[in-house]
Amino acid sequence: RVLDALVVVGVLDLLYMASGALAPEITVSVVDHNLDYVLPYAANPILLAIPYILTTCLAPLLSSFRWVRAFGAANVVALSVATWMQSKDFSS
């Protein structure tokens, strides 16, 4: 089913991001009042973001429980606001 596929995608994304996040080559610097993390990922960040967004937003929206669907919708709104804020350089 769709949720099973999302779990597999989420676990693969988790393993890849965890391997980079636990690497000792991480550097952090302050750039224009924002924290700039440099992680040792070879892939394009968009290729990591798309599966992350699918697994964290789409899975709850597919739930049969109304409150879980509401949480998924709130997650989509929160992610959209965070993306907008980051694009405007308001977040750190």
PDB file of N, CA and C in Angstrom:
ATOM      1  N   ARG A   1       0.818  -1.197   0.000  1.00  0.00           N
ATOM      2  CA  ARG A   1       0.000   0.000   0.000  1.00  0.00           C
ATOM      3  C   ARG A   1       0.853   1.249   0.000  1.00  0.00           C
ATOM      4  N   VAL A   2       0.193   2.384  -0.116  1.00  0.00           N
ATOM      5  CA  VAL A   2       0.897   3.663  -0.189  1.00  0.00           C
ATOM      6  C   VAL A   2       1.638   3.950   1.113  1.00  0.00           C
ATOM      7  N   LEU A   3       0.993   3.682   2.248  1.00  0.00           N
ATOM      8  CA  LEU A   3       1.651   3.961   3.528  1.00  0.00           C
ATOM      9  C   LEU A   3       2.885   3.090   3.733  1.00  0.00           C
ATOM     10  N   ASP A   4       2.829   1.841   3.292  1.00  0.00           N
ATOM     11  CA  ASP A   4       4.006   0.969   3.395  1.00  0.00           C
ATOM     12  C   ASP A   4       5.162   1.526   2.569  1.00  0.00           C
ATOM     13  N   ALA A   5       4.854   2.011   1.383  1.00  0.00           N
ATOM     14  CA  ALA A   5       5.894   2.606   0.535  1.00  0.00           C
ATOM     15  C   ALA A   5       6.467   3.863   1.189  1.00  0.00           C
ATOM     16  N   LEU A   6       5.604   4.663   1.823  1.00  0.00           N
ATOM     17  CA  LEU A   6       6.085   5.872   2.500  1.00  0.00           C
ATOM     18  C   LEU A   6       6.986   5.531   3.687  1.00  0.00           C
ATOM     19  N   VAL A   7       6.681   4.441   4.386  1.00  0.00           N
ATOM     20  CA  VAL A   7       7.541   4.011   5.497  1.00  0.00           C
ATOM     21  C   VAL A   7       8.920   3.632   4.972  1.00  0.00           C
ATOM     22  N   VAL A   8       8.971   2.892   3.892  1.00  0.00           N
ATOM     23  CA  VAL A   8      10.257   2.496   3.306  1.00  0.00           C
ATOM     24  C   VAL A   8      11.041   3.728   2.871  1.00  0.00           C
ATOM     25  N   VAL A   9      10.381   4.653   2.192  1.00  0.00           N
ATOM     26  CA  VAL A   9      11.048   5.885   1.749  1.00  0.00           C
ATOM     27  C   VAL A   9      11.539   6.680   2.954  1.00  0.00           C
ATOM     28  N   GLY A  10      10.719   6.770   3.994  1.00  0.00           N
ATOM     29  CA  GLY A  10      11.110   7.501   5.197  1.00  0.00           C
ATOM     30  C   GLY A  10      12.315   6.889   5.895  1.00  0.00           C
ATOM     31  N   VAL A  11      12.348   5.575   5.988  1.00  0.00           N
ATOM     32  CA  VAL A  11      13.485   4.899   6.628  1.00  0.00           C
ATOM     33  C   VAL A  11      14.759   5.102   5.813  1.00  0.00           C
ATOM     34  N   LEU A  12      14.660   5.005   4.498  1.00  0.00           N
ATOM     35  CA  LEU A  12      15.846   5.229   3.655  1.00  0.00           C
ATOM     36  C   LEU A  12      16.347   6.667   3.784  1.00  0.00           C
ATOM     37  N   ASP A  13      15.426   7.612   3.805  1.00  0.00           N
ATOM     38  CA  ASP A  13      15.793   9.018   3.980  1.00  0.00           C
ATOM     39  C   ASP A  13      16.442   9.233   5.347  1.00  0.00           C
ATOM     40  N   LEU A  14      15.864   8.630   6.371  1.00  0.00           N
ATOM     41  CA  LEU A  14      16.417   8.727   7.725  1.00  0.00           C
ATOM     42  C   LEU A  14      17.838   8.186   7.782  1.00  0.00           C
ATOM     43  N   LEU A  15      18.063   7.019   7.214  1.00  0.00           N
ATOM     44  CA  LEU A  15      19.394   6.418   7.261  1.00  0.00           C
ATOM     45  C   LEU A  15      20.426   7.284   6.541  1.00  0.00           C
ATOM     46  N   TYR A  16      20.046   7.829   5.397  1.00  0.00           N
ATOM     47  CA  TYR A  16      20.984   8.664   4.647  1.00  0.00           C
ATOM     48  C   TYR A  16      21.279   9.964   5.395  1.00  0.00           C
ATOM     49  N   MET A  17      20.224  10.611   5.923  1.00  0.00           N
ATOM     50  CA  MET A  17      20.447  11.874   6.641  1.00  0.00           C
ATOM     51  C   MET A  17      21.196  11.645   7.950  1.00  0.00           C
ATOM     52  N   ALA A  18      20.915  10.547   8.637  1.00  0.00           N
ATOM     53  CA  ALA A  18      21.616  10.255   9.886  1.00  0.00           C
ATOM     54  C   ALA A  18      23.094   9.993   9.633  1.00  0.00           C
ATOM     55  N   SER A  19      23.412   9.321   8.540  1.00  0.00           N
ATOM     56  CA  SER A  19      24.822   9.055   8.243  1.00  0.00           C
ATOM     57  C   SER A  19      25.581  10.360   8.013  1.00  0.00           C
ATOM     58  N   GLY A  20      24.943  11.330   7.408  1.00  0.00           N
ATOM     59  CA  GLY A  20      25.591  12.633   7.209  1.00  0.00           C
ATOM     60  C   GLY A  20      25.621  13.463   8.473  1.00  0.00           C
ATOM     61  N   ALA A  21      24.533  13.409   9.256  1.00  0.00           N
ATOM     62  CA  ALA A  21      24.458  14.213  10.475  1.00  0.00           C
ATOM     63  C   ALA A  21      25.434  13.726  11.543  1.00  0.00           C
ATOM     64  N   LEU A  22      25.776  12.456  11.518  1.00  0.00           N
ATOM     65  CA  LEU A  22      26.701  11.903  12.507  1.00  0.00           C
ATOM     66  C   LEU A  22      28.154  11.967  12.054  1.00  0.00           C
ATOM     67  N   ALA A  23      28.387  12.459  10.866  1.00  0.00           N
ATOM     68  CA  ALA A  23      29.753  12.565  10.343  1.00  0.00           C
ATOM     69  C   ALA A  23      30.505  13.690  11.048  1.00  0.00           C
ATOM     70  N   PRO A  24      31.795  13.515  11.273  1.00  0.00           N
ATOM     71  CA  PRO A  24      32.565  14.545  11.979  1.00  0.00           C
ATOM     72  C   PRO A  24      32.890  15.777  11.135  1.00  0.00           C
ATOM     73  N   GLU A  25      32.571  15.763   9.842  1.00  0.00           N
ATOM     74  CA  GLU A  25      32.940  16.878   8.964  1.00  0.00           C
ATOM     75  C   GLU A  25      31.935  18.022   8.966  1.00  0.00           C
ATOM     76  N   ILE A  26      30.962  18.029   9.867  1.00  0.00           N
ATOM     77  CA  ILE A  26      29.944  19.082   9.899  1.00  0.00           C
ATOM     78  C   ILE A  26      30.567  20.384  10.382  1.00  0.00           C
ATOM     79  N   THR A  27      30.271  21.458   9.666  1.00  0.00           N
ATOM     80  CA  THR A  27      30.703  22.784  10.103  1.00  0.00           C
ATOM     81  C   THR A  27      29.482  23.689  10.196  1.00  0.00           C
ATOM     82  N   VAL A  28      29.529  24.607  11.150  1.00  0.00           N
ATOM     83  CA  VAL A  28      28.446  25.565  11.353  1.00  0.00           C
ATOM     84  C   VAL A  28      29.060  26.948  11.433  1.00  0.00           C
ATOM     85  N   SER A  29      28.468  27.885  10.714  1.00  0.00           N
ATOM     86  CA  SER A  29      28.930  29.269  10.781  1.00  0.00           C
ATOM     87  C   SER A  29      27.716  30.188  10.743  1.00  0.00           C
ATOM     88  N   VAL A  30      27.908  31.422  11.199  1.00  0.00           N
ATOM     89  CA  VAL A  30      26.840  32.414  11.182  1.00  0.00           C
ATOM     90  C   VAL A  30      26.984  33.245   9.915  1.00  0.00           C
ATOM     91  N   VAL A  31      25.929  33.252   9.105  1.00  0.00           N
ATOM     92  CA  VAL A  31      25.915  34.005   7.854  1.00  0.00           C
ATOM     93  C   VAL A  31      24.630  34.832   7.832  1.00  0.00           C
ATOM     94  N   ASP A  32      24.769  36.143   7.832  1.00  0.00           N
ATOM     95  CA  ASP A  32      23.607  37.039   7.802  1.00  0.00           C
ATOM     96  C   ASP A  32      22.596  36.700   8.894  1.00  0.00           C
ATOM     97  N   HIS A  33      23.074  36.525  10.108  1.00  0.00           N
ATOM     98  CA  HIS A  33      22.241  36.234  11.282  1.00  0.00           C
ATOM     99  C   HIS A  33      21.526  34.884  11.192  1.00  0.00           C
ATOM    100  N   ASN A  34      21.978  34.005  10.335  1.00  0.00           N
ATOM    101  CA  ASN A  34      21.436  32.650  10.203  1.00  0.00           C
ATOM    102  C   ASN A  34      22.550  31.643  10.441  1.00  0.00           C
ATOM    103  N   LEU A  35      22.183  30.490  10.983  1.00  0.00           N
ATOM    104  CA  LEU A  35      23.149  29.408  11.120  1.00  0.00           C
ATOM    105  C   LEU A  35      23.239  28.672   9.791  1.00  0.00           C
ATOM    106  N   ASP A  36      24.441  28.544   9.278  1.00  0.00           N
ATOM    107  CA  ASP A  36      24.678  27.872   8.002  1.00  0.00           C
ATOM    108  C   ASP A  36      25.396  26.555   8.281  1.00  0.00           C
ATOM    109  N   TYR A  37      24.678  25.450   8.118  1.00  0.00           N
ATOM    110  CA  TYR A  37      25.239  24.128   8.345  1.00  0.00           C
ATOM    111  C   TYR A  37      25.780  23.586   7.032  1.00  0.00           C
ATOM    112  N   VAL A  38      26.990  23.060   7.072  1.00  0.00           N
ATOM    113  CA  VAL A  38      27.565  22.397   5.904  1.00  0.00           C
ATOM    114  C   VAL A  38      27.700  20.923   6.260  1.00  0.00           C
ATOM    115  N   LEU A  39      26.852  20.122   5.627  1.00  0.00           N
ATOM    116  CA  LEU A  39      26.832  18.689   5.889  1.00  0.00           C
ATOM    117  C   LEU A  39      27.462  17.949   4.714  1.00  0.00           C
ATOM    118  N   PRO A  40      28.054  16.796   4.979  1.00  0.00           N
ATOM    119  CA  PRO A  40      28.764  16.065   3.922  1.00  0.00           C
ATOM    120  C   PRO A  40      27.846  15.229   3.031  1.00  0.00           C
ATOM    121  N   TYR A  41      26.786  15.838   2.500  1.00  0.00           N
ATOM    122  CA  TYR A  41      25.894  15.124   1.595  1.00  0.00           C
ATOM    123  C   TYR A  41      26.346  15.339   0.162  1.00  0.00           C
ATOM    124  N   ALA A  42      26.386  14.268  -0.593  1.00  0.00           N
ATOM    125  CA  ALA A  42      26.756  14.380  -2.004  1.00  0.00           C
ATOM    126  C   ALA A  42      25.538  14.728  -2.855  1.00  0.00           C
ATOM    127  N   ALA A  43      24.357  14.375  -2.364  1.00  0.00           N
ATOM    128  CA  ALA A  43      23.140  14.570  -3.151  1.00  0.00           C
ATOM    129  C   ALA A  43      22.647  16.013  -3.074  1.00  0.00           C
ATOM    130  N   ASN A  44      21.864  16.388  -4.052  1.00  0.00           N
ATOM    131  CA  ASN A  44      21.193  17.674  -4.073  1.00  0.00           C
ATOM    132  C   ASN A  44      20.206  17.722  -2.895  1.00  0.00           C
ATOM    133  N   PRO A  45      20.164  18.800  -2.114  1.00  0.00           N
ATOM    134  CA  PRO A  45      19.249  18.869  -0.967  1.00  0.00           C
ATOM    135  C   PRO A  45      17.779  18.659  -1.348  1.00  0.00           C
ATOM    136  N   ILE A  46      17.412  19.038  -2.546  1.00  0.00           N
ATOM    137  CA  ILE A  46      16.027  18.832  -2.989  1.00  0.00           C
ATOM    138  C   ILE A  46      15.698  17.340  -3.041  1.00  0.00           C
ATOM    139  N   LEU A  47      16.692  16.522  -3.388  1.00  0.00           N
ATOM    140  CA  LEU A  47      16.470  15.080  -3.449  1.00  0.00           C
ATOM    141  C   LEU A  47      16.255  14.481  -2.064  1.00  0.00           C
ATOM    142  N   LEU A  48      16.711  15.157  -1.026  1.00  0.00           N
ATOM    143  CA  LEU A  48      16.437  14.726   0.340  1.00  0.00           C
ATOM    144  C   LEU A  48      15.134  15.330   0.851  1.00  0.00           C
ATOM    145  N   ALA A  49      14.827  16.543   0.422  1.00  0.00           N
ATOM    146  CA  ALA A  49      13.642  17.239   0.920  1.00  0.00           C
ATOM    147  C   ALA A  49      12.350  16.606   0.415  1.00  0.00           C
ATOM    148  N   ILE A  50      12.330  16.201  -0.831  1.00  0.00           N
ATOM    149  CA  ILE A  50      11.090  15.659  -1.397  1.00  0.00           C
ATOM    150  C   ILE A  50      10.629  14.398  -0.662  1.00  0.00           C
ATOM    151  N   PRO A  51      11.491  13.388  -0.451  1.00  0.00           N
ATOM    152  CA  PRO A  51      11.014  12.223   0.300  1.00  0.00           C
ATOM    153  C   PRO A  51      10.662  12.571   1.749  1.00  0.00           C
ATOM    154  N   TYR A  52      11.385  13.516   2.337  1.00  0.00           N
ATOM    155  CA  TYR A  52      11.077  13.929   3.714  1.00  0.00           C
ATOM    156  C   TYR A  52       9.682  14.544   3.785  1.00  0.00           C
ATOM    157  N   ILE A  53       9.386  15.438   2.862  1.00  0.00           N
ATOM    158  CA  ILE A  53       8.073  16.087   2.843  1.00  0.00           C
ATOM    159  C   ILE A  53       6.973  15.059   2.583  1.00  0.00           C
ATOM    160  N   LEU A  54       7.211  14.155   1.656  1.00  0.00           N
ATOM    161  CA  LEU A  54       6.213  13.120   1.371  1.00  0.00           C
ATOM    162  C   LEU A  54       5.909  12.280   2.602  1.00  0.00           C
ATOM    163  N   THR A  55       6.948  11.868   3.313  1.00  0.00           N
ATOM    164  CA  THR A  55       6.730  10.970   4.445  1.00  0.00           C
ATOM    165  C   THR A  55       6.163  11.687   5.661  1.00  0.00           C
ATOM    166  N   THR A  56       6.493  12.955   5.862  1.00  0.00           N
ATOM    167  CA  THR A  56       5.997  13.650   7.049  1.00  0.00           C
ATOM    168  C   THR A  56       4.654  14.331   6.833  1.00  0.00           C
ATOM    169  N   CYS A  57       4.307  14.648   5.604  1.00  0.00           N
ATOM    170  CA  CYS A  57       3.045  15.345   5.336  1.00  0.00           C
ATOM    171  C   CYS A  57       1.994  14.443   4.691  1.00  0.00           C
ATOM    172  N   LEU A  58       2.393  13.658   3.722  1.00  0.00           N
ATOM    173  CA  LEU A  58       1.416  12.845   2.997  1.00  0.00           C
ATOM    174  C   LEU A  58       0.882  11.693   3.844  1.00  0.00           C
ATOM    175  N   ALA A  59       1.747  11.044   4.602  1.00  0.00           N
ATOM    176  CA  ALA A  59       1.299   9.896   5.394  1.00  0.00           C
ATOM    177  C   ALA A  59       0.170  10.266   6.361  1.00  0.00           C
ATOM    178  N   PRO A  60       0.292  11.343   7.152  1.00  0.00           N
ATOM    179  CA  PRO A  60      -0.835  11.695   8.028  1.00  0.00           C
ATOM    180  C   PRO A  60      -2.097  12.088   7.253  1.00  0.00           C
ATOM    181  N   LEU A  61      -1.936  12.712   6.095  1.00  0.00           N
ATOM    182  CA  LEU A  61      -3.106  13.108   5.308  1.00  0.00           C
ATOM    183  C   LEU A  61      -3.884  11.903   4.786  1.00  0.00           C
ATOM    184  N   LEU A  62      -3.231  10.748   4.696  1.00  0.00           N
ATOM    185  CA  LEU A  62      -3.882   9.529   4.212  1.00  0.00           C
ATOM    186  C   LEU A  62      -4.525   8.712   5.327  1.00  0.00           C
ATOM    187  N   SER A  63      -4.429   9.186   6.559  1.00  0.00           N
ATOM    188  CA  SER A  63      -4.951   8.442   7.698  1.00  0.00           C
ATOM    189  C   SER A  63      -6.477   8.366   7.670  1.00  0.00           C
ATOM    190  N   SER A  64      -7.009   7.323   8.291  1.00  0.00           N
ATOM    191  CA  SER A  64      -8.461   7.207   8.418  1.00  0.00           C
ATOM    192  C   SER A  64      -8.972   7.951   9.649  1.00  0.00           C
ATOM    193  N   PHE A  65      -8.071   8.409  10.507  1.00  0.00           N
ATOM    194  CA  PHE A  65      -8.458   9.170  11.695  1.00  0.00           C
ATOM    195  C   PHE A  65      -8.476  10.660  11.370  1.00  0.00           C
ATOM    196  N   ARG A  66      -9.569  11.316  11.703  1.00  0.00           N
ATOM    197  CA  ARG A  66      -9.729  12.734  11.383  1.00  0.00           C
ATOM    198  C   ARG A  66      -8.664  13.600  12.053  1.00  0.00           C
ATOM    199  N   TRP A  67      -8.340  13.321  13.324  1.00  0.00           N
ATOM    200  CA  TRP A  67      -7.369  14.154  14.038  1.00  0.00           C
ATOM    201  C   TRP A  67      -5.966  13.990  13.459  1.00  0.00           C
ATOM    202  N   VAL A  68      -5.648  12.810  12.926  1.00  0.00           N
ATOM    203  CA  VAL A  68      -4.341  12.609  12.297  1.00  0.00           C
ATOM    204  C   VAL A  68      -4.290  13.362  10.966  1.00  0.00           C
ATOM    205  N   ARG A  69      -5.406  13.345  10.228  1.00  0.00           N
ATOM    206  CA  ARG A  69      -5.460  14.135   8.986  1.00  0.00           C
ATOM    207  C   ARG A  69      -5.314  15.624   9.288  1.00  0.00           C
ATOM    208  N   ALA A  70      -5.939  16.084  10.378  1.00  0.00           N
ATOM    209  CA  ALA A  70      -5.801  17.494  10.773  1.00  0.00           C
ATOM    210  C   ALA A  70      -4.346  17.803  11.114  1.00  0.00           C
ATOM    211  N   PHE A  71      -3.671  16.869  11.788  1.00  0.00           N
ATOM    212  CA  PHE A  71      -2.251  17.049  12.094  1.00  0.00           C
ATOM    213  C   PHE A  71      -1.436  17.122  10.807  1.00  0.00           C
ATOM    214  N   GLY A  72      -1.749  16.277   9.845  1.00  0.00           N
ATOM    215  CA  GLY A  72      -1.049  16.309   8.559  1.00  0.00           C
ATOM    216  C   GLY A  72      -1.251  17.630   7.843  1.00  0.00           C
ATOM    217  N   ALA A  73      -2.481  18.147   7.868  1.00  0.00           N
ATOM    218  CA  ALA A  73      -2.756  19.443   7.238  1.00  0.00           C
ATOM    219  C   ALA A  73      -2.005  20.560   7.959  1.00  0.00           C
ATOM    220  N   ALA A  74      -1.982  20.501   9.296  1.00  0.00           N
ATOM    221  CA  ALA A  74      -1.231  21.503  10.063  1.00  0.00           C
ATOM    222  C   ALA A  74       0.260  21.408   9.755  1.00  0.00           C
ATOM    223  N   ASN A  75       0.749  20.209   9.544  1.00  0.00           N
ATOM    224  CA  ASN A  75       2.155  20.010   9.199  1.00  0.00           C
ATOM    225  C   ASN A  75       2.475  20.630   7.840  1.00  0.00           C
ATOM    226  N   VAL A  76       1.567  20.487   6.885  1.00  0.00           N
ATOM    227  CA  VAL A  76       1.756  21.102   5.566  1.00  0.00           C
ATOM    228  C   VAL A  76       1.810  22.619   5.704  1.00  0.00           C
ATOM    229  N   VAL A  77       0.899  23.181   6.505  1.00  0.00           N
ATOM    230  CA  VAL A  77       0.884  24.634   6.718  1.00  0.00           C
ATOM    231  C   VAL A  77       2.176  25.081   7.393  1.00  0.00           C
ATOM    232  N   ALA A  78       2.590  24.373   8.448  1.00  0.00           N
ATOM    233  CA  ALA A  78       3.811  24.746   9.173  1.00  0.00           C
ATOM    234  C   ALA A  78       5.040  24.650   8.279  1.00  0.00           C
ATOM    235  N   LEU A  79       5.112  23.618   7.479  1.00  0.00           N
ATOM    236  CA  LEU A  79       6.249  23.461   6.571  1.00  0.00           C
ATOM    237  C   LEU A  79       6.253  24.558   5.510  1.00  0.00           C
ATOM    238  N   SER A  80       5.082  24.916   5.041  1.00  0.00           N
ATOM    239  CA  SER A  80       4.986  25.997   4.053  1.00  0.00           C
ATOM    240  C   SER A  80       5.429  27.328   4.645  1.00  0.00           C
ATOM    241  N   VAL A  81       4.996  27.611   5.869  1.00  0.00           N
ATOM    242  CA  VAL A  81       5.393  28.859   6.536  1.00  0.00           C
ATOM    243  C   VAL A  81       6.897  28.864   6.792  1.00  0.00           C
ATOM    244  N   ALA A  82       7.437  27.743   7.258  1.00  0.00           N
ATOM    245  CA  ALA A  82       8.879  27.668   7.517  1.00  0.00           C
ATOM    246  C   ALA A  82       9.680  27.860   6.233  1.00  0.00           C
ATOM    247  N   THR A  83       9.206  27.284   5.146  1.00  0.00           N
ATOM    248  CA  THR A  83       9.888  27.450   3.861  1.00  0.00           C
ATOM    249  C   THR A  83       9.834  28.898   3.411  1.00  0.00           C
ATOM    250  N   TRP A  84       8.677  29.515   3.564  1.00  0.00           N
ATOM    251  CA  TRP A  84       8.540  30.931   3.195  1.00  0.00           C
ATOM    252  C   TRP A  84       9.464  31.795   4.052  1.00  0.00           C
ATOM    253  N   MET A  85       9.509  31.522   5.367  1.00  0.00           N
ATOM    254  CA  MET A  85      10.369  32.305   6.252  1.00  0.00           C
ATOM    255  C   MET A  85      11.836  32.124   5.889  1.00  0.00           C
ATOM    256  N   GLN A  86      12.237  30.905   5.592  1.00  0.00           N
ATOM    257  CA  GLN A  86      13.628  30.656   5.220  1.00  0.00           C
ATOM    258  C   GLN A  86      13.970  31.373   3.926  1.00  0.00           C
ATOM    259  N   SER A  87      13.030  31.375   3.004  1.00  0.00           N
ATOM    260  CA  SER A  87      13.303  32.053   1.736  1.00  0.00           C
ATOM    261  C   SER A  87      13.426  33.556   1.925  1.00  0.00           C
ATOM    262  N   LYS A  88      12.819  34.074   2.976  1.00  0.00           N
ATOM    263  CA  LYS A  88      12.908  35.506   3.277  1.00  0.00           C
ATOM    264  C   LYS A  88      14.020  35.805   4.291  1.00  0.00           C
ATOM    265  N   ASP A  89      14.804  34.788   4.658  1.00  0.00           N
ATOM    266  CA  ASP A  89      15.921  34.921   5.609  1.00  0.00           C
ATOM    267  C   ASP A  89      15.485  35.408   6.981  1.00  0.00           C
ATOM    268  N   PHE A  90      14.324  34.932   7.451  1.00  0.00           N
ATOM    269  CA  PHE A  90      13.882  35.298   8.790  1.00  0.00           C
ATOM    270  C   PHE A  90      14.230  34.234   9.822  1.00  0.00           C
ATOM    271  N   SER A  91      14.553  33.034   9.391  1.00  0.00           N
ATOM    272  CA  SER A  91      14.832  31.978  10.360  1.00  0.00           C
ATOM    273  C   SER A  91      16.322  31.712  10.440  1.00  0.00           C
ATOM    274  N   SER A  92      16.704  31.112  11.544  1.00  0.00           N
ATOM    275  CA  SER A  92      18.127  30.803  11.708  1.00  0.00           C
ATOM    276  C   SER A  92      18.325  29.312  11.834  1.00  0.00           C
TER     277      SER A  92
END
